[in-house]
C-alpha cells in the first residue's frame, strides 16, 4: 500500500510540475491543483497508513500507536483541501479577468507572434 501511495504522490507531483512549466494559464492552474493533491496525499500518509483503526483512544484498549490512527494528519489534510479549493477559486477568477483584459490565455499575456499595435483600441 505504501508503494501505491508513493507512486501516486510522485505521479501527481511530476504532472503538476510539468503543467506549471506550460505557458497557458489553465495549465498552470491545473498544475497547482495537482501539486496540492500530491501534498494532501503526503500529509495524509504521514500519519501511518492504518486500515480499520479508530482515530481516537478507546477505553479498555492500550494507548499505543498500534491501536489507533493519528488524527492530526487527517485534520491537516482536511484543512489543506478547504484552503486549496478557496485559493483555486481565487486564481481562476484572476485568470478570467486577465483573459478578459488581455484577450490572451498566455501566462505573460502575449501570444507568440502577436503584436499589440496590430489590434484596434478596445472600448470599455
Protein backbone atom coordinates (compact mmCIF):
# COMPACT_ATOMS: atom_id res chain seq x y z
CA UNK A 1 0.00 0.00 0.00
CA UNK A 2 2.90 2.34 0.71
CA UNK A 3 4.26 1.78 -2.79
CA UNK A 4 0.90 2.71 -4.33
CA UNK A 5 0.66 5.90 -2.28
CA UNK A 6 4.26 6.85 -3.03
CA UNK A 7 3.70 6.23 -6.74
CA UNK A 8 0.52 8.31 -6.73
CA UNK A 9 2.30 11.16 -4.95
CA UNK A 10 5.18 11.01 -7.45
CA UNK A 11 2.89 10.95 -10.49
CA UNK A 12 0.77 13.83 -9.19
CA UNK A 13 3.83 15.92 -8.30
CA UNK A 14 5.52 15.20 -11.64
CA UNK A 15 2.39 16.03 -13.64
CA UNK A 16 1.88 19.17 -11.53
CA UNK A 17 5.41 20.43 -12.15
CA UNK A 18 5.10 19.66 -15.87
CA UNK A 19 1.86 21.64 -16.10
CA UNK A 20 3.31 24.51 -14.07
CA UNK A 21 6.01 24.95 -16.71
CA UNK A 22 3.47 25.35 -19.52
CA UNK A 23 2.70 28.77 -20.99
CA UNK A 24 -1.09 28.68 -20.64
CA UNK A 25 -2.97 29.92 -17.59
CA UNK A 26 -5.31 26.93 -17.38
CA UNK A 27 -2.35 24.53 -17.42
CA UNK A 28 -0.69 26.43 -14.57
CA UNK A 29 -3.88 26.34 -12.50
CA UNK A 30 -4.28 22.62 -13.15
CA UNK A 31 -0.63 22.07 -12.20
CA UNK A 32 -1.09 23.90 -8.91
CA UNK A 33 -4.17 21.79 -8.21
CA UNK A 34 -2.29 18.55 -8.88
CA UNK A 35 0.56 19.69 -6.63
CA UNK A 36 -1.92 20.42 -3.84
CA UNK A 37 -3.38 16.90 -4.28
CA UNK A 38 0.11 15.44 -4.01
CA UNK A 39 0.77 17.47 -0.87
CA UNK A 40 -2.53 16.33 0.66
CA UNK A 41 -1.66 12.70 0.00
CA UNK A 42 1.78 13.25 1.52
CA UNK A 43 0.27 14.81 4.66
CA UNK A 44 -2.29 12.04 4.93
CA UNK A 45 0.29 9.29 4.55
CA UNK A 46 2.48 10.89 7.21
CA UNK A 47 0.04 9.67 9.86
CA UNK A 48 0.84 5.99 9.32
CA UNK A 49 -1.42 4.23 6.86
CA UNK A 50 -3.69 2.19 9.12
CA UNK A 51 -6.87 0.49 7.95
CA UNK A 52 -9.74 -0.08 10.37
CA UNK A 53 -8.22 1.65 13.38
CA UNK A 54 -10.17 4.36 15.21
CA UNK A 55 -8.67 7.89 15.20
CA UNK A 56 -9.39 8.36 18.92
CA UNK A 57 -8.48 6.45 22.08
CA UNK A 58 -10.98 3.96 23.49
CA UNK A 59 -11.38 2.59 26.97
CA UNK A 60 -10.10 -0.92 27.52
CA UNK A 61 -7.54 -0.64 24.69
CA UNK A 62 -3.90 0.13 25.36
CA UNK A 63 -2.87 3.66 24.42
CA UNK A 64 -0.19 2.70 21.91
CA UNK A 65 0.26 3.84 18.31
CA UNK A 66 -0.57 0.32 17.14
CA UNK A 67 -4.16 0.59 18.43
CA UNK A 68 -5.28 3.90 16.94
CA UNK A 69 -4.72 6.12 13.92
CA UNK A 70 -3.22 9.58 14.27
CA UNK A 71 -5.98 12.20 13.77
CA UNK A 72 -3.60 15.15 13.24
CA UNK A 73 -2.68 14.37 9.59
CA UNK A 74 -6.36 13.81 8.84
CA UNK A 75 -7.25 17.22 10.26
CA UNK A 76 -4.34 18.89 8.43
CA UNK A 77 -5.38 17.28 5.15
CA UNK A 78 -8.99 18.37 5.55
CA UNK A 79 -7.88 21.93 6.28
CA UNK A 80 -5.50 21.89 3.31
CA UNK A 81 -8.30 20.73 0.99
CA UNK A 82 -10.51 23.64 2.01
CA UNK A 83 -7.71 26.20 1.67
CA UNK A 84 -6.60 24.77 -1.70
CA UNK A 85 -10.14 24.95 -3.05
CA UNK A 86 -10.50 28.58 -1.96
CA UNK A 87 -7.16 29.54 -3.49
CA UNK A 88 -8.01 27.72 -6.72
CA UNK A 89 -11.21 29.75 -6.99
CA UNK A 90 -9.26 32.98 -6.44
CA UNK A 91 -6.67 32.05 -9.08
CA UNK A 92 -9.40 31.09 -11.59
CA UNK A 93 -11.15 34.45 -11.08
CA UNK A 94 -7.87 36.33 -11.54
CA UNK A 95 -7.11 34.29 -14.67
CA UNK A 96 -10.56 35.00 -16.10
CA UNK A 97 -10.10 38.72 -15.50
CA UNK A 98 -6.65 38.59 -17.08
CA UNK A 99 -8.10 36.79 -20.10
CA UNK A 100 -10.87 39.36 -20.41
CA UNK A 101 -8.45 42.29 -20.22
CA UNK A 102 -5.63 40.97 -22.41
CA UNK A 103 -7.59 38.60 -24.69
CA UNK A 104 -4.90 36.01 -24.12
CA UNK A 105 -4.58 32.81 -22.15
CA UNK A 106 -0.80 33.05 -22.04
CA UNK A 107 0.85 33.42 -18.63
CA UNK A 108 2.79 36.50 -19.69
CA UNK A 109 -0.21 37.95 -21.56
CA UNK A 110 1.29 37.79 -25.05
CA UNK A 111 0.69 35.14 -27.69
CA UNK A 112 3.70 34.17 -29.80
CA UNK A 113 3.72 36.27 -32.96
CA UNK A 114 1.19 38.75 -31.52
CA UNK A 115 1.80 42.47 -31.52
CA UNK A 116 -0.50 44.85 -29.61
CA UNK A 117 -0.07 47.56 -32.28
CA UNK A 118 -1.93 45.46 -34.87
CA UNK A 119 -5.12 45.29 -32.78
CA UNK A 120 -7.58 48.22 -32.72
CA UNK A 121 -8.17 50.04 -29.44
CA UNK A 122 -10.78 48.36 -27.29
CA UNK A 123 -13.64 50.43 -25.91
CA UNK A 124 -14.62 49.93 -22.31
